[in-house]
PDB file of N, CA and C in Angstrom:
ATOM      1  N   MET A   1      35.838 -44.669 107.952  1.00  0.00           N
ATOM      2  CA  MET A   1      35.986 -43.560 108.855  1.00  0.00           C
ATOM      3  C   MET A   1      34.661 -42.929 109.227  1.00  0.00           C
ATOM      4  N   ALA A   2      34.318 -43.093 110.567  1.00  0.00           N
ATOM      5  CA  ALA A   2      32.991 -42.624 110.985  1.00  0.00           C
ATOM      6  C   ALA A   2      33.063 -41.005 111.387  1.00  0.00           C
ATOM      7  N   ILE A   3      32.094 -40.385 111.065  1.00  0.00           N
ATOM      8  CA  ILE A   3      31.898 -39.010 111.495  1.00  0.00           C
ATOM      9  C   ILE A   3      31.195 -38.964 112.649  1.00  0.00           C
ATOM     10  N   GLY A   4      31.788 -38.101 113.659  1.00  0.00           N
ATOM     11  CA  GLY A   4      31.168 -37.911 114.910  1.00  0.00           C
ATOM     12  C   GLY A   4      30.012 -37.093 115.035  1.00  0.00           C
ATOM     13  N   PRO A   5      29.148 -37.183 116.009  1.00  0.00           N
ATOM     14  CA  PRO A   5      28.037 -36.088 116.168  1.00  0.00           C
ATOM     15  C   PRO A   5      28.551 -34.731 116.346  1.00  0.00           C
ATOM     16  N   GLU A   6      29.748 -34.535 116.799  1.00  0.00           N
ATOM     17  CA  GLU A   6      30.157 -33.119 117.070  1.00  0.00           C
ATOM     18  C   GLU A   6      30.450 -32.475 115.681  1.00  0.00           C
ATOM     19  N   SER A   7      30.938 -33.317 114.654  1.00  0.00           N
ATOM     20  CA  SER A   7      31.247 -32.946 113.443  1.00  0.00           C
ATOM     21  C   SER A   7      29.977 -32.443 112.445  1.00  0.00           C
ATOM     22  N   ILE A   8      29.052 -33.361 112.871  1.00  0.00           N
ATOM     23  CA  ILE A   8      27.692 -33.184 111.996  1.00  0.00           C
ATOM     24  C   ILE A   8      27.025 -31.884 112.722  1.00  0.00           C
ATOM     25  N   LEU A   9      26.872 -31.535 114.026  1.00  0.00           N
ATOM     26  CA  LEU A   9      26.390 -30.470 114.688  1.00  0.00           C
ATOM     27  C   LEU A   9      27.064 -29.213 114.244  1.00  0.00           C
ATOM     28  N   SER A  10      28.495 -29.299 114.074  1.00  0.00           N
ATOM     29  CA  SER A  10      29.237 -28.207 113.644  1.00  0.00           C
ATOM     30  C   SER A  10      28.859 -27.736 112.382  1.00  0.00           C
ATOM     31  N   ALA A  11      28.804 -28.684 111.497  1.00  0.00           N
ATOM     32  CA  ALA A  11      28.379 -28.442 110.123  1.00  0.00           C
ATOM     33  C   ALA A  11      27.072 -27.928 109.881  1.00  0.00           C
ATOM     34  N   ILE A  12      26.172 -28.356 110.746  1.00  0.00           N
ATOM     35  CA  ILE A  12      24.621 -27.729 110.658  1.00  0.00           C
ATOM     36  C   ILE A  12      24.675 -26.313 111.218  1.00  0.00           C
ATOM     37  N   LEU A  13      25.536 -26.066 112.262  1.00  0.00           N
ATOM     38  CA  LEU A  13      25.453 -24.829 112.808  1.00  0.00           C
ATOM     39  C   LEU A  13      26.212 -23.809 111.912  1.00  0.00           C
ATOM     40  N   VAL A  14      27.113 -24.307 111.074  1.00  0.00           N
ATOM     41  CA  VAL A  14      27.830 -23.254 110.074  1.00  0.00           C
ATOM     42  C   VAL A  14      26.964 -22.886 109.104  1.00  0.00           C
ATOM     43  N   LEU A  15      26.251 -24.162 108.571  1.00  0.00           N
ATOM     44  CA  LEU A  15      25.272 -23.673 107.426  1.00  0.00           C
ATOM     45  C   LEU A  15      24.298 -22.905 107.918  1.00  0.00           C
ATOM     46  N   THR A  16      23.646 -23.119 109.033  1.00  0.00           N
ATOM     47  CA  THR A  16      22.439 -22.328 109.524  1.00  0.00           C
ATOM     48  C   THR A  16      22.928 -20.813 109.690  1.00  0.00           C
ATOM     49  N   SER A  17      24.210 -20.656 110.323  1.00  0.00           N
ATOM     50  CA  SER A  17      24.723 -19.155 110.508  1.00  0.00           C
ATOM     51  C   SER A  17      24.803 -18.443 109.247  1.00  0.00           C
ATOM     52  N   ALA A  18      25.513 -19.296 108.201  1.00  0.00           N
ATOM     53  CA  ALA A  18      25.653 -18.850 106.854  1.00  0.00           C
ATOM     54  C   ALA A  18      24.216 -18.397 106.111  1.00  0.00           C
ATOM     55  N   LEU A  19      23.251 -19.211 106.379  1.00  0.00           N
ATOM     56  CA  LEU A  19      21.879 -18.960 105.878  1.00  0.00           C
ATOM     57  C   LEU A  19      21.309 -17.605 106.554  1.00  0.00           C
ATOM     58  N   LEU A  20      21.521 -17.509 107.773  1.00  0.00           N
ATOM     59  CA  LEU A  20      20.976 -16.417 108.520  1.00  0.00           C
ATOM     60  C   LEU A  20      21.519 -15.025 108.090  1.00  0.00           C
ATOM     61  N   ILE A  21      22.879 -15.137 107.855  1.00  0.00           N
ATOM     62  CA  ILE A  21      23.616 -13.917 107.415  1.00  0.00           C
ATOM     63  C   ILE A  21      23.220 -13.548 106.070  1.00  0.00           C
ATOM     64  N   TRP A  22      23.076 -14.520 105.275  1.00  0.00           N
ATOM     65  CA  TRP A  22      22.457 -14.238 103.825  1.00  0.00           C
ATOM     66  C   TRP A  22      21.061 -13.696 103.866  1.00  0.00           C
ATOM     67  N   VAL A  23      20.256 -14.037 104.649  1.00  0.00           N
ATOM     68  CA  VAL A  23      18.857 -13.733 104.806  1.00  0.00           C
ATOM     69  C   VAL A  23      18.877 -12.151 105.474  1.00  0.00           C
ATOM     70  N   ILE A  24      19.622 -11.895 106.402  1.00  0.00           N
ATOM     71  CA  ILE A  24      19.769 -10.595 107.090  1.00  0.00           C
ATOM     72  C   ILE A  24      20.299  -9.693 105.843  1.00  0.00           C
ATOM     73  N   LEU A  25      21.326  -9.994 105.185  1.00  0.00           N
ATOM     74  CA  LEU A  25      21.802  -9.000 104.314  1.00  0.00           C
ATOM     75  C   LEU A  25      20.925  -8.839 103.045  1.00  0.00           C
ATOM     76  N   ARG A  26      20.190  -9.840 102.663  1.00  0.00           N
ATOM     77  CA  ARG A  26      19.034  -9.552 101.580  1.00  0.00           C
ATOM     78  C   ARG A  26      17.992  -8.628 102.211  1.00  0.00           C
ATOM     79  N   PHE A  27      17.662  -8.833 103.367  1.00  0.00           N
ATOM     80  CA  PHE A  27      16.627  -8.094 103.811  1.00  0.00           C
ATOM     81  C   PHE A  27      17.144  -6.530 104.127  1.00  0.00           C
ATOM     82  N   ARG A  28      18.251  -6.284 104.587  1.00  0.00           N
ATOM     83  CA  ARG A  28      18.792  -4.989 104.784  1.00  0.00           C
ATOM     84  C   ARG A  28      18.840  -4.296 103.156  1.00  0.00           C
ATOM     85  N   GLN A  29      19.267  -5.013 102.351  1.00  0.00           N
ATOM     86  CA  GLN A  29      19.339  -4.410 101.062  1.00  0.00           C
ATOM     87  C   GLN A  29      17.870  -3.987 100.368  1.00  0.00           C
ATOM     88  N   ARG A  30      16.975  -4.926 100.615  1.00  0.00           N
ATOM     89  CA  ARG A  30      15.806  -4.861 100.112  1.00  0.00           C
ATOM     90  C   ARG A  30      15.107  -3.542 100.737  1.00  0.00           C
ATOM     91  N   ARG A  31      15.405  -3.416 102.258  1.00  0.00           N
ATOM     92  CA  ARG A  31      14.720  -2.412 102.917  1.00  0.00           C
ATOM     93  C   ARG A  31      15.297  -1.121 102.667  1.00  0.00           C
ATOM     94  N   SER A  32      16.730  -1.096 102.444  1.00  0.00           N
ATOM     95  CA  SER A  32      17.314   0.254 102.180  1.00  0.00           C
ATOM     96  C   SER A  32      16.800   0.927 100.943  1.00  0.00           C
ATOM     97  N   PHE A  33      16.653   0.081  99.892  1.00  0.00           N
ATOM     98  CA  PHE A  33      16.065   0.764  98.690  1.00  0.00           C
ATOM     99  C   PHE A  33      14.570   0.936  98.670  1.00  0.00           C
ATOM    100  N   GLY A  34      13.886   0.089  99.392  1.00  0.00           N
ATOM    101  CA  GLY A  34      12.513   0.158  99.339  1.00  0.00           C
ATOM    102  C   GLY A  34      11.806  -0.092  98.022  1.00  0.00           C
ATOM    103  N   ASN A  35      10.800   0.523  97.651  1.00  0.00           N
ATOM    104  CA  ASN A  35      10.238   0.467  96.346  1.00  0.00           C
ATOM    105  C   ASN A  35      10.713   1.273  95.426  1.00  0.00           C
ATOM    106  N   GLN A  36      11.726   2.244  95.654  1.00  0.00           N
ATOM    107  CA  GLN A  36      12.219   3.316  94.728  1.00  0.00           C
ATOM    108  C   GLN A  36      13.421   2.631  94.064  1.00  0.00           C
ATOM    109  N   SER A  37      13.648   2.753  92.938  1.00  0.00           N
ATOM    110  CA  SER A  37      14.885   2.473  92.207  1.00  0.00           C
ATOM    111  C   SER A  37      15.812   3.700  92.134  1.00  0.00           C
ATOM    112  N   TYR A  38      17.029   3.428  92.403  1.00  0.00           N
ATOM    113  CA  TYR A  38      18.232   4.558  92.499  1.00  0.00           C
ATOM    114  C   TYR A  38      18.611   4.862  91.254  1.00  0.00           C
ATOM    115  N   ASP A  39      18.424   5.880  90.708  1.00  0.00           N
ATOM    116  CA  ASP A  39      18.928   6.258  89.210  1.00  0.00           C
ATOM    117  C   ASP A  39      20.190   7.344  89.467  1.00  0.00           C
ATOM    118  N   GLY A  40      20.585   7.803  90.515  1.00  0.00           N
ATOM    119  CA  GLY A  40      21.780   8.426  90.597  1.00  0.00           C
ATOM    120  C   GLY A  40      21.629   9.956  90.501  1.00  0.00           C
ATOM    121  N   LYS A  41      20.425  10.327  90.389  1.00  0.00           N
ATOM    122  CA  LYS A  41      20.184  11.668  89.954  1.00  0.00           C
ATOM    123  C   LYS A  41      19.649  12.460  91.189  1.00  0.00           C
ATOM    124  N   ALA A  42      20.042  13.700  91.279  1.00  0.00           N
ATOM    125  CA  ALA A  42      19.591  14.462  92.657  1.00  0.00           C
ATOM    126  C   ALA A  42      18.193  14.866  92.253  1.00  0.00           C
ATOM    127  N   ARG A  43      17.549  14.991  93.460  1.00  0.00           N
ATOM    128  CA  ARG A  43      15.918  15.126  93.333  1.00  0.00           C
ATOM    129  C   ARG A  43      15.825  16.501  93.123  1.00  0.00           C
ATOM    130  N   GLU A  44      16.618  17.585  93.658  1.00  0.00           N
ATOM    131  CA  GLU A  44      16.372  19.080  93.287  1.00  0.00           C
ATOM    132  C   GLU A  44      17.732  19.586  92.806  1.00  0.00           C
ATOM    133  N   PRO A  45      18.098  19.345  91.642  1.00  0.00           N
ATOM    134  CA  PRO A  45      19.478  19.735  91.274  1.00  0.00           C
ATOM    135  C   PRO A  45      19.774  21.228  91.163  1.00  0.00           C
ATOM    136  N   ALA A  46      18.665  22.101  91.170  1.00  0.00           N
ATOM    137  CA  ALA A  46      18.833  23.519  91.156  1.00  0.00           C
ATOM    138  C   ALA A  46      19.291  23.839  92.496  1.00  0.00           C
ATOM    139  N   ASN A  47      19.030  23.275  93.621  1.00  0.00           N
ATOM    140  CA  ASN A  47      19.539  23.528  94.914  1.00  0.00           C
ATOM    141  C   ASN A  47      20.970  23.357  95.231  1.00  0.00           C
ATOM    142  N   LEU A  48      21.671  22.432  94.283  1.00  0.00           N
ATOM    143  CA  LEU A  48      23.057  22.432  94.461  1.00  0.00           C
ATOM    144  C   LEU A  48      23.929  23.498  93.865  1.00  0.00           C
ATOM    145  N   LEU A  49      23.215  24.456  93.078  1.00  0.00           N
ATOM    146  CA  LEU A  49      23.966  25.569  92.409  1.00  0.00           C
ATOM    147  C   LEU A  49      24.419  26.489  93.451  1.00  0.00           C
ATOM    148  N   GLU A  50      23.638  26.926  94.486  1.00  0.00           N
ATOM    149  CA  GLU A  50      23.979  27.717  95.552  1.00  0.00           C
ATOM    150  C   GLU A  50      24.139  27.220  96.725  1.00  0.00           C
ATOM    151  N   PRO A  51      25.244  27.239  97.384  1.00  0.00           N
ATOM    152  CA  PRO A  51      25.533  26.663  98.741  1.00  0.00           C
ATOM    153  C   PRO A  51      24.812  27.443  99.816  1.00  0.00           C
ATOM    154  N   ASP A  52      24.427  26.831 100.867  1.00  0.00           N
ATOM    155  CA  ASP A  52      23.732  27.450 101.916  1.00  0.00           C
ATOM    156  C   ASP A  52      24.762  27.842 102.960  1.00  0.00           C
ATOM    157  N   ASP A  53      24.183  28.351 104.082  1.00  0.00           N
ATOM    158  CA  ASP A  53      25.204  28.990 105.061  1.00  0.00           C
ATOM    159  C   ASP A  53      25.910  27.926 105.768  1.00  0.00           C
ATOM    160  N   ALA A  54      25.174  26.753 106.093  1.00  0.00           N
ATOM    161  CA  ALA A  54      25.846  25.612 106.699  1.00  0.00           C
ATOM    162  C   ALA A  54      27.069  25.138 105.969  1.00  0.00           C
ATOM    163  N   ALA A  55      26.779  25.018 104.695  1.00  0.00           N
ATOM    164  CA  ALA A  55      27.831  24.384 103.896  1.00  0.00           C
ATOM    165  C   ALA A  55      29.051  25.297 103.910  1.00  0.00           C
ATOM    166  N   LEU A  56      28.691  26.654 103.712  1.00  0.00           N
ATOM    167  CA  LEU A  56      29.870  27.515 103.659  1.00  0.00           C
ATOM    168  C   LEU A  56      30.639  27.507 104.951  1.00  0.00           C
ATOM    169  N   GLU A  57      29.918  27.493 106.222  1.00  0.00           N
ATOM    170  CA  GLU A  57      30.531  27.411 107.495  1.00  0.00           C
ATOM    171  C   GLU A  57      31.574  26.205 107.606  1.00  0.00           C
ATOM    172  N   GLN A  58      30.792  25.027 107.111  1.00  0.00           N
ATOM    173  CA  GLN A  58      31.641  23.811 107.099  1.00  0.00           C
ATOM    174  C   GLN A  58      32.750  23.920 106.234  1.00  0.00           C
ATOM    175  N   MET A  59      32.719  24.457 105.133  1.00  0.00           N
ATOM    176  CA  MET A  59      33.836  24.492 104.260  1.00  0.00           C
ATOM    177  C   MET A  59      34.826  25.403 104.910  1.00  0.00           C
ATOM    178  N   SER A  60      34.570  26.699 105.545  1.00  0.00           N
ATOM    179  CA  SER A  60      35.381  27.391 106.248  1.00  0.00           C
ATOM    180  C   SER A  60      36.190  26.648 107.308  1.00  0.00           C
ATOM    181  N   ARG A  61      35.442  26.026 108.201  1.00  0.00           N
ATOM    182  CA  ARG A  61      36.258  25.181 109.121  1.00  0.00           C
ATOM    183  C   ARG A  61      37.179  24.109 108.622  1.00  0.00           C
ATOM    184  N   LEU A  62      36.845  23.359 107.488  1.00  0.00           N
ATOM    185  CA  LEU A  62      37.768  22.540 106.969  1.00  0.00           C
ATOM    186  C   LEU A  62      38.900  23.152 106.457  1.00  0.00           C
ATOM    187  N   LEU A  63      38.779  24.281 105.841  1.00  0.00           N
ATOM    188  CA  LEU A  63      39.885  25.139 105.068  1.00  0.00           C
ATOM    189  C   LEU A  63      40.923  25.552 106.365  1.00  0.00           C
ATOM    190  N   ASP A  64      40.131  26.060 107.496  1.00  0.00           N
ATOM    191  CA  ASP A  64      40.965  26.574 108.666  1.00  0.00           C
ATOM    192  C   ASP A  64      41.636  25.266 109.124  1.00  0.00           C
ATOM    193  N   TRP A  65      41.154  24.070 109.297  1.00  0.00           N
ATOM    194  CA  TRP A  65      41.747  22.847 109.905  1.00  0.00           C
ATOM    195  C   TRP A  65      42.841  22.450 108.903  1.00  0.00           C
ATOM    196  N   ASP A  66      42.900  22.668 107.713  1.00  0.00           N
ATOM    197  CA  ASP A  66      43.796  22.294 106.729  1.00  0.00           C
ATOM    198  C   ASP A  66      45.097  23.312 106.947  1.00  0.00           C
ATOM    199  N   THR A  67      44.892  24.684 107.105  1.00  0.00           N
ATOM    200  CA  THR A  67      46.099  25.358 107.418  1.00  0.00           C
ATOM    201  C   THR A  67      46.588  25.205 108.791  1.00  0.00           C
ATOM    202  N   GLU A  68      45.992  24.823 109.692  1.00  0.00           N
ATOM    203  CA  GLU A  68      46.582  24.523 111.207  1.00  0.00           C
ATOM    204  C   GLU A  68      47.304  23.178 110.982  1.00  0.00           C
ATOM    205  N   GLN A  69      46.944  22.191 110.051  1.00  0.00           N
ATOM    206  CA  GLN A  69      47.726  21.037 109.847  1.00  0.00           C
ATOM    207  C   GLN A  69      49.082  21.236 109.297  1.00  0.00           C
ATOM    208  N   GLU A  70      49.129  22.192 108.456  1.00  0.00           N
ATOM    209  CA  GLU A  70      50.337  22.558 107.576  1.00  0.00           C
ATOM    210  C   GLU A  70      51.361  23.227 108.329  1.00  0.00           C
ATOM    211  N   GLU A  71      51.082  23.883 109.386  1.00  0.00           N
ATOM    212  CA  GLU A  71      51.882  24.625 110.347  1.00  0.00           C
ATOM    213  C   GLU A  71      52.628  23.712 111.128  1.00  0.00           C
TER     214      GLU A  71
END
């Protein structure tokens, strides 16, 4: 059973595309974290204790949206 040139080229293209996707995903992952390691802690946890005006306004809009949905 002979393998045609189209089958060989298709296999090469599939392997090349898989390799390129793998390289791109590794590059994105390395770039997103940079040299910093993610430890899951807030940078300034004291700032999270008091909500700012923008957060309160957004919460008010969300609560108003929820009451409109129930009606």
